[in-house]
N, C-alpha and C. Protein backbone atom coordinates (compact mmCIF):
# COMPACT_ATOMS: atom_id res chain seq x y z
N MET A 1 -28.54 12.59 -14.65
CA MET A 1 -28.64 12.80 -13.21
C MET A 1 -28.70 11.46 -12.51
N THR A 2 -28.13 11.43 -11.32
CA THR A 2 -28.19 10.23 -10.49
C THR A 2 -28.76 10.60 -9.14
N THR A 3 -29.42 9.66 -8.53
CA THR A 3 -30.01 9.93 -7.22
C THR A 3 -28.97 9.71 -6.14
N ALA A 4 -28.89 10.64 -5.23
CA ALA A 4 -27.93 10.53 -4.13
C ALA A 4 -28.49 9.59 -3.07
N ALA A 5 -27.62 8.80 -2.52
CA ALA A 5 -28.04 7.81 -1.53
C ALA A 5 -28.61 8.47 -0.29
N GLY A 6 -29.78 8.04 0.10
CA GLY A 6 -30.33 8.43 1.39
C GLY A 6 -31.02 9.78 1.44
N ILE A 7 -30.90 10.64 0.43
CA ILE A 7 -31.54 11.95 0.56
C ILE A 7 -32.48 12.27 -0.58
N GLY A 8 -32.55 11.42 -1.59
CA GLY A 8 -33.53 11.60 -2.64
C GLY A 8 -33.35 12.84 -3.49
N MET A 9 -32.14 13.40 -3.55
CA MET A 9 -31.88 14.54 -4.40
C MET A 9 -30.93 14.09 -5.50
N ALA A 10 -30.85 14.84 -6.56
CA ALA A 10 -30.04 14.43 -7.70
C ALA A 10 -28.75 15.23 -7.75
N THR A 11 -27.71 14.55 -8.24
CA THR A 11 -26.47 15.27 -8.52
C THR A 11 -26.50 15.61 -9.99
N GLU A 12 -25.79 16.63 -10.36
CA GLU A 12 -25.76 17.04 -11.75
C GLU A 12 -24.33 17.14 -12.20
N SER A 13 -24.08 16.78 -13.45
CA SER A 13 -22.76 17.00 -13.99
C SER A 13 -22.79 18.35 -14.70
N TRP A 14 -21.68 19.08 -14.65
CA TRP A 14 -21.62 20.41 -15.19
C TRP A 14 -20.53 20.48 -16.24
N ASP A 15 -20.77 21.19 -17.32
CA ASP A 15 -19.79 21.34 -18.38
C ASP A 15 -18.85 22.51 -18.13
N SER A 16 -19.21 23.39 -17.25
CA SER A 16 -18.42 24.57 -16.95
C SER A 16 -17.11 24.19 -16.26
N PRO A 17 -16.03 24.97 -16.48
CA PRO A 17 -14.78 24.67 -15.80
C PRO A 17 -14.86 24.92 -14.30
N ALA A 18 -15.79 25.76 -13.88
CA ALA A 18 -15.94 26.02 -12.44
C ALA A 18 -16.68 24.85 -11.82
N VAL A 19 -16.31 24.47 -10.64
CA VAL A 19 -16.96 23.38 -9.94
C VAL A 19 -18.13 23.95 -9.16
N LYS A 20 -19.24 23.29 -9.24
CA LYS A 20 -20.44 23.78 -8.58
C LYS A 20 -20.83 22.84 -7.45
N PRO A 21 -21.67 23.30 -6.53
CA PRO A 21 -22.10 22.42 -5.43
C PRO A 21 -22.78 21.18 -6.00
N SER A 22 -22.61 20.07 -5.34
CA SER A 22 -23.29 18.86 -5.74
C SER A 22 -23.79 18.15 -4.49
N VAL A 23 -24.75 17.30 -4.69
CA VAL A 23 -25.31 16.55 -3.59
C VAL A 23 -24.74 15.15 -3.67
N ASN A 24 -24.20 14.66 -2.57
CA ASN A 24 -23.70 13.29 -2.55
C ASN A 24 -24.29 12.58 -1.33
N GLY A 25 -23.87 11.38 -1.08
CA GLY A 25 -24.42 10.58 0.01
C GLY A 25 -24.23 11.20 1.38
N SER A 26 -23.19 12.01 1.55
CA SER A 26 -22.94 12.59 2.87
C SER A 26 -23.46 14.01 3.00
N GLY A 27 -24.06 14.55 1.97
CA GLY A 27 -24.60 15.90 2.04
C GLY A 27 -24.20 16.71 0.83
N ILE A 28 -24.36 18.02 0.93
CA ILE A 28 -24.03 18.90 -0.17
C ILE A 28 -22.57 19.31 -0.04
N THR A 29 -21.85 19.26 -1.15
CA THR A 29 -20.46 19.69 -1.15
C THR A 29 -20.35 20.97 -1.95
N TYR A 30 -19.25 21.66 -1.81
CA TYR A 30 -19.13 22.99 -2.34
C TYR A 30 -17.91 23.11 -3.23
N GLY A 31 -18.01 23.94 -4.22
CA GLY A 31 -16.89 24.17 -5.10
C GLY A 31 -16.79 25.62 -5.49
N ARG A 32 -15.90 25.90 -6.41
CA ARG A 32 -15.63 27.27 -6.82
C ARG A 32 -16.61 27.67 -7.92
N MET A 33 -17.27 28.77 -7.73
CA MET A 33 -18.14 29.36 -8.74
C MET A 33 -18.65 30.69 -8.24
N PRO A 34 -19.18 31.53 -9.11
CA PRO A 34 -19.69 32.83 -8.67
C PRO A 34 -20.81 32.68 -7.64
N ASP A 35 -20.85 33.62 -6.71
CA ASP A 35 -21.82 33.56 -5.61
C ASP A 35 -23.26 33.49 -6.08
N ALA A 36 -23.59 34.25 -7.14
CA ALA A 36 -24.97 34.26 -7.61
C ALA A 36 -25.39 32.87 -8.08
N GLN A 37 -24.49 32.16 -8.73
CA GLN A 37 -24.83 30.81 -9.16
C GLN A 37 -24.96 29.88 -7.97
N ARG A 38 -24.16 30.10 -6.97
CA ARG A 38 -24.26 29.28 -5.77
C ARG A 38 -25.64 29.43 -5.14
N SER A 39 -26.06 30.65 -4.94
CA SER A 39 -27.38 30.89 -4.37
C SER A 39 -28.46 30.28 -5.25
N HIS A 40 -28.29 30.41 -6.54
CA HIS A 40 -29.25 29.87 -7.48
C HIS A 40 -29.32 28.34 -7.38
N PHE A 41 -28.18 27.70 -7.23
CA PHE A 41 -28.15 26.24 -7.10
C PHE A 41 -28.99 25.79 -5.91
N TYR A 42 -28.77 26.41 -4.75
CA TYR A 42 -29.49 26.01 -3.55
C TYR A 42 -30.96 26.40 -3.64
N ALA A 43 -31.26 27.53 -4.23
CA ALA A 43 -32.65 27.92 -4.41
C ALA A 43 -33.38 26.89 -5.26
N ASP A 44 -32.74 26.43 -6.33
CA ASP A 44 -33.35 25.40 -7.16
C ASP A 44 -33.62 24.13 -6.37
N LYS A 45 -32.67 23.73 -5.53
CA LYS A 45 -32.84 22.52 -4.73
C LYS A 45 -33.97 22.66 -3.71
N LEU A 46 -34.21 23.90 -3.27
CA LEU A 46 -35.28 24.17 -2.30
C LEU A 46 -36.61 24.53 -2.97
N CYS A 47 -36.58 24.57 -4.30
CA CYS A 47 -37.78 24.90 -5.10
C CYS A 47 -38.29 26.31 -4.79
N VAL A 48 -37.37 27.25 -4.64
CA VAL A 48 -37.71 28.66 -4.47
C VAL A 48 -36.82 29.46 -5.41
N THR A 49 -37.13 30.75 -5.57
CA THR A 49 -36.27 31.58 -6.39
C THR A 49 -35.05 32.01 -5.58
N SER A 50 -33.99 32.37 -6.29
CA SER A 50 -32.78 32.81 -5.58
C SER A 50 -33.04 34.13 -4.86
N ASP A 51 -33.91 34.98 -5.42
CA ASP A 51 -34.26 36.23 -4.74
C ASP A 51 -34.97 35.96 -3.41
N TYR A 52 -35.89 34.99 -3.44
CA TYR A 52 -36.61 34.64 -2.22
C TYR A 52 -35.66 34.05 -1.18
N LEU A 53 -34.77 33.17 -1.62
CA LEU A 53 -33.80 32.58 -0.71
C LEU A 53 -32.94 33.66 -0.07
N SER A 54 -32.46 34.58 -0.88
CA SER A 54 -31.62 35.67 -0.35
C SER A 54 -32.41 36.53 0.64
N LYS A 55 -33.67 36.81 0.31
CA LYS A 55 -34.51 37.64 1.19
C LYS A 55 -34.72 36.95 2.54
N VAL A 56 -35.03 35.66 2.51
CA VAL A 56 -35.28 34.92 3.75
C VAL A 56 -34.02 34.83 4.60
N VAL A 57 -32.90 34.53 3.96
CA VAL A 57 -31.64 34.41 4.70
C VAL A 57 -31.25 35.76 5.30
N ARG A 58 -31.41 36.84 4.53
CA ARG A 58 -31.07 38.17 5.03
C ARG A 58 -31.96 38.57 6.21
N GLU A 59 -33.25 38.24 6.13
CA GLU A 59 -34.15 38.55 7.24
C GLU A 59 -33.78 37.75 8.49
N TYR A 60 -33.39 36.50 8.29
CA TYR A 60 -33.07 35.63 9.42
C TYR A 60 -31.70 35.94 10.02
N ASP A 61 -30.70 36.14 9.14
CA ASP A 61 -29.31 36.20 9.60
C ASP A 61 -28.63 37.54 9.34
N GLY A 62 -29.24 38.40 8.55
CA GLY A 62 -28.65 39.71 8.29
C GLY A 62 -27.55 39.72 7.23
N GLN A 63 -27.33 38.60 6.56
CA GLN A 63 -26.33 38.56 5.50
C GLN A 63 -26.92 37.89 4.26
N SER A 64 -26.24 38.06 3.15
CA SER A 64 -26.76 37.49 1.91
C SER A 64 -26.65 35.97 1.93
N ALA A 65 -27.45 35.33 1.08
CA ALA A 65 -27.39 33.87 0.97
C ALA A 65 -26.01 33.43 0.51
N ALA A 66 -25.42 34.18 -0.41
CA ALA A 66 -24.08 33.83 -0.90
C ALA A 66 -23.06 33.85 0.23
N LYS A 67 -23.11 34.86 1.07
CA LYS A 67 -22.17 34.95 2.20
C LYS A 67 -22.43 33.83 3.20
N TRP A 68 -23.68 33.51 3.43
CA TRP A 68 -24.03 32.43 4.34
C TRP A 68 -23.47 31.11 3.83
N ILE A 69 -23.58 30.87 2.52
CA ILE A 69 -23.06 29.64 1.92
C ILE A 69 -21.54 29.57 2.05
N ILE A 70 -20.87 30.69 1.78
CA ILE A 70 -19.41 30.73 1.93
C ILE A 70 -19.02 30.42 3.37
N ASN A 71 -19.72 31.00 4.34
CA ASN A 71 -19.43 30.74 5.75
C ASN A 71 -19.63 29.25 6.09
N ALA A 72 -20.65 28.64 5.49
CA ALA A 72 -20.88 27.21 5.72
C ALA A 72 -19.73 26.37 5.18
N VAL A 73 -19.23 26.73 4.01
CA VAL A 73 -18.09 26.02 3.41
C VAL A 73 -16.86 26.17 4.30
N ILE A 74 -16.59 27.38 4.76
CA ILE A 74 -15.43 27.65 5.61
C ILE A 74 -15.55 26.88 6.93
N THR A 75 -16.74 26.88 7.51
CA THR A 75 -16.96 26.15 8.76
C THR A 75 -16.70 24.66 8.57
N GLU A 76 -17.22 24.10 7.49
CA GLU A 76 -16.98 22.68 7.21
C GLU A 76 -15.49 22.41 6.99
N ALA A 77 -14.81 23.31 6.29
CA ALA A 77 -13.38 23.15 6.05
C ALA A 77 -12.61 23.18 7.37
N LYS A 78 -12.96 24.08 8.26
CA LYS A 78 -12.28 24.17 9.56
C LYS A 78 -12.50 22.90 10.39
N ILE A 79 -13.68 22.33 10.31
CA ILE A 79 -13.95 21.08 11.01
C ILE A 79 -13.08 19.96 10.44
N LEU A 80 -13.00 19.89 9.12
CA LEU A 80 -12.19 18.85 8.48
C LEU A 80 -10.70 19.05 8.75
N LEU A 81 -10.27 20.30 8.90
CA LEU A 81 -8.86 20.57 9.18
C LEU A 81 -8.44 20.09 10.57
N ARG A 82 -9.39 19.85 11.44
CA ARG A 82 -9.09 19.33 12.77
C ARG A 82 -8.70 17.85 12.73
N GLU A 83 -9.02 17.19 11.65
CA GLU A 83 -8.72 15.76 11.52
C GLU A 83 -7.28 15.61 11.02
N PRO A 84 -6.37 15.19 11.89
CA PRO A 84 -4.95 15.16 11.54
C PRO A 84 -4.59 14.15 10.46
N ASP A 85 -5.41 13.12 10.28
CA ASP A 85 -5.08 12.11 9.29
C ASP A 85 -5.52 12.49 7.87
N LYS A 86 -6.23 13.59 7.72
CA LYS A 86 -6.65 14.04 6.39
C LYS A 86 -5.68 15.08 5.86
N THR A 87 -5.26 14.90 4.62
CA THR A 87 -4.40 15.90 3.99
C THR A 87 -5.25 17.06 3.50
N ILE A 88 -4.60 18.17 3.21
CA ILE A 88 -5.32 19.33 2.66
C ILE A 88 -5.95 18.94 1.33
N ASN A 89 -5.24 18.15 0.54
CA ASN A 89 -5.78 17.71 -0.75
C ASN A 89 -7.04 16.87 -0.57
N GLN A 90 -7.05 15.97 0.41
CA GLN A 90 -8.24 15.16 0.68
C GLN A 90 -9.42 16.02 1.10
N ILE A 91 -9.14 17.06 1.87
CA ILE A 91 -10.21 17.98 2.30
C ILE A 91 -10.75 18.73 1.09
N ALA A 92 -9.85 19.20 0.23
CA ALA A 92 -10.27 19.91 -0.99
C ALA A 92 -11.18 19.03 -1.84
N ILE A 93 -10.80 17.78 -1.99
CA ILE A 93 -11.60 16.84 -2.78
C ILE A 93 -12.95 16.60 -2.10
N GLU A 94 -12.94 16.42 -0.79
CA GLU A 94 -14.18 16.17 -0.05
C GLU A 94 -15.15 17.35 -0.17
N LEU A 95 -14.61 18.56 -0.24
CA LEU A 95 -15.45 19.75 -0.38
C LEU A 95 -15.73 20.09 -1.84
N ASN A 96 -15.32 19.21 -2.74
CA ASN A 96 -15.63 19.31 -4.16
C ASN A 96 -14.91 20.45 -4.86
N PHE A 97 -13.72 20.80 -4.41
CA PHE A 97 -12.90 21.76 -5.13
C PHE A 97 -12.12 21.01 -6.19
N PRO A 98 -11.82 21.65 -7.30
CA PRO A 98 -11.13 20.94 -8.38
C PRO A 98 -9.70 20.53 -8.01
N ASP A 99 -9.08 21.27 -7.09
CA ASP A 99 -7.73 20.92 -6.67
C ASP A 99 -7.40 21.65 -5.37
N GLN A 100 -6.26 21.29 -4.80
CA GLN A 100 -5.84 21.86 -3.52
C GLN A 100 -5.58 23.35 -3.63
N SER A 101 -5.03 23.79 -4.75
CA SER A 101 -4.72 25.20 -4.94
C SER A 101 -5.97 26.07 -4.91
N THR A 102 -7.00 25.63 -5.61
CA THR A 102 -8.26 26.39 -5.64
C THR A 102 -8.86 26.46 -4.24
N PHE A 103 -8.84 25.34 -3.53
CA PHE A 103 -9.34 25.32 -2.16
C PHE A 103 -8.54 26.28 -1.28
N GLY A 104 -7.22 26.23 -1.39
CA GLY A 104 -6.35 27.09 -0.59
C GLY A 104 -6.61 28.56 -0.82
N LYS A 105 -6.77 28.95 -2.09
CA LYS A 105 -7.05 30.35 -2.41
C LYS A 105 -8.41 30.79 -1.86
N PHE A 106 -9.42 29.93 -2.02
CA PHE A 106 -10.76 30.22 -1.49
C PHE A 106 -10.71 30.38 0.02
N PHE A 107 -10.03 29.45 0.69
CA PHE A 107 -9.95 29.46 2.15
C PHE A 107 -9.21 30.71 2.64
N LYS A 108 -8.07 31.01 2.03
CA LYS A 108 -7.27 32.17 2.46
C LYS A 108 -8.01 33.48 2.20
N ARG A 109 -8.69 33.57 1.06
CA ARG A 109 -9.45 34.79 0.73
C ARG A 109 -10.54 35.05 1.76
N ASN A 110 -11.10 33.99 2.34
CA ASN A 110 -12.22 34.14 3.25
C ASN A 110 -11.84 34.10 4.73
N THR A 111 -10.60 33.67 5.06
CA THR A 111 -10.20 33.60 6.46
C THR A 111 -8.95 34.40 6.77
N GLY A 112 -8.16 34.68 5.75
CA GLY A 112 -6.90 35.39 5.97
C GLY A 112 -5.72 34.47 6.24
N LEU A 113 -5.98 33.18 6.41
CA LEU A 113 -4.93 32.19 6.64
C LEU A 113 -5.07 31.05 5.64
N SER A 114 -3.96 30.43 5.32
CA SER A 114 -4.02 29.24 4.47
C SER A 114 -4.56 28.08 5.29
N PRO A 115 -5.04 27.03 4.63
CA PRO A 115 -5.51 25.86 5.39
C PRO A 115 -4.41 25.26 6.27
N LEU A 116 -3.19 25.18 5.76
CA LEU A 116 -2.09 24.62 6.56
C LEU A 116 -1.79 25.49 7.77
N SER A 117 -1.76 26.81 7.59
CA SER A 117 -1.54 27.71 8.73
C SER A 117 -2.65 27.59 9.76
N THR A 118 -3.88 27.47 9.29
CA THR A 118 -5.02 27.30 10.19
C THR A 118 -4.87 26.02 11.00
N ARG A 119 -4.47 24.95 10.32
CA ARG A 119 -4.27 23.67 11.00
C ARG A 119 -3.19 23.78 12.06
N LYS A 120 -2.08 24.46 11.74
CA LYS A 120 -0.99 24.62 12.69
C LYS A 120 -1.42 25.44 13.91
N VAL A 121 -2.15 26.53 13.67
CA VAL A 121 -2.63 27.38 14.76
C VAL A 121 -3.57 26.58 15.66
N LYS A 122 -4.45 25.81 15.08
CA LYS A 122 -5.39 24.99 15.87
C LYS A 122 -4.63 23.99 16.74
N ARG A 123 -3.61 23.36 16.18
CA ARG A 123 -2.83 22.39 16.94
C ARG A 123 -2.12 23.07 18.11
N GLN A 124 -1.56 24.25 17.86
CA GLN A 124 -0.87 24.98 18.92
C GLN A 124 -1.84 25.38 20.02
N ARG A 125 -3.01 25.85 19.65
CA ARG A 125 -4.02 26.24 20.64
C ARG A 125 -4.47 25.05 21.46
N MET A 126 -4.67 23.92 20.80
CA MET A 126 -5.09 22.72 21.52
C MET A 126 -4.00 22.27 22.49
N ALA A 127 -2.75 22.36 22.07
CA ALA A 127 -1.64 21.97 22.94
C ALA A 127 -1.58 22.87 24.16
N LEU A 128 -1.83 24.16 23.97
CA LEU A 128 -1.82 25.09 25.11
C LEU A 128 -2.99 24.85 26.04
N GLU A 129 -4.16 24.55 25.46
CA GLU A 129 -5.34 24.31 26.28
C GLU A 129 -5.15 23.09 27.17
N PHE A 130 -4.53 22.07 26.64
CA PHE A 130 -4.33 20.84 27.40
C PHE A 130 -2.96 20.80 28.06
N LYS A 131 -2.22 21.89 27.93
CA LYS A 131 -0.89 22.01 28.51
C LYS A 131 0.01 20.84 28.13
N GLN A 132 -0.13 20.44 26.87
CA GLN A 132 0.73 19.40 26.35
C GLN A 132 1.79 20.06 25.49
N PRO A 133 3.00 19.58 25.56
CA PRO A 133 4.05 20.17 24.73
C PRO A 133 3.82 19.84 23.26
N VAL A 134 4.14 20.80 22.42
CA VAL A 134 4.09 20.57 20.99
C VAL A 134 5.39 19.88 20.63
N LEU A 135 5.27 18.71 20.03
CA LEU A 135 6.45 17.93 19.70
C LEU A 135 7.17 18.57 18.51
N VAL A 136 8.47 18.79 18.70
CA VAL A 136 9.28 19.37 17.65
C VAL A 136 10.41 18.39 17.38
N GLN A 137 10.61 18.06 16.13
CA GLN A 137 11.67 17.13 15.76
C GLN A 137 13.00 17.89 15.74
N ILE A 138 13.99 17.35 16.42
CA ILE A 138 15.31 17.97 16.46
C ILE A 138 16.26 17.08 15.67
N ASN A 139 16.86 17.67 14.65
CA ASN A 139 17.82 16.92 13.85
C ASN A 139 19.19 17.07 14.45
N ARG A 140 19.87 15.97 14.65
CA ARG A 140 21.22 16.01 15.22
C ARG A 140 22.25 15.71 14.19
């Protein structure tokens, strides 16, 4: 284990092929793994049981801890997709997914759109809001 900069929590290496959440200098990142393990990971970091974490989250927000975690990952992904200089692959790596494909499948399963489609829709909406034309390259 190594200590993460600035937050005093440890990152762990995992032998499993599934990528699990890890703590790094910029916060907790997310990867692909079963929801129950995800809740368990965060419960361990909070020094509570996963049942207690789920109970508290459900009382507060009305949804399971696993669903809340997935929503947090999707929200972070949507924020990162607004950054035009970041590729989808860079976003996948930043969110600790093993590859772009895994990230894309996770994102589409939870939003109904691929990350690239989401990025395109956001750009079009922003262009309409600011009444700026969307630049289209015309080949002659």
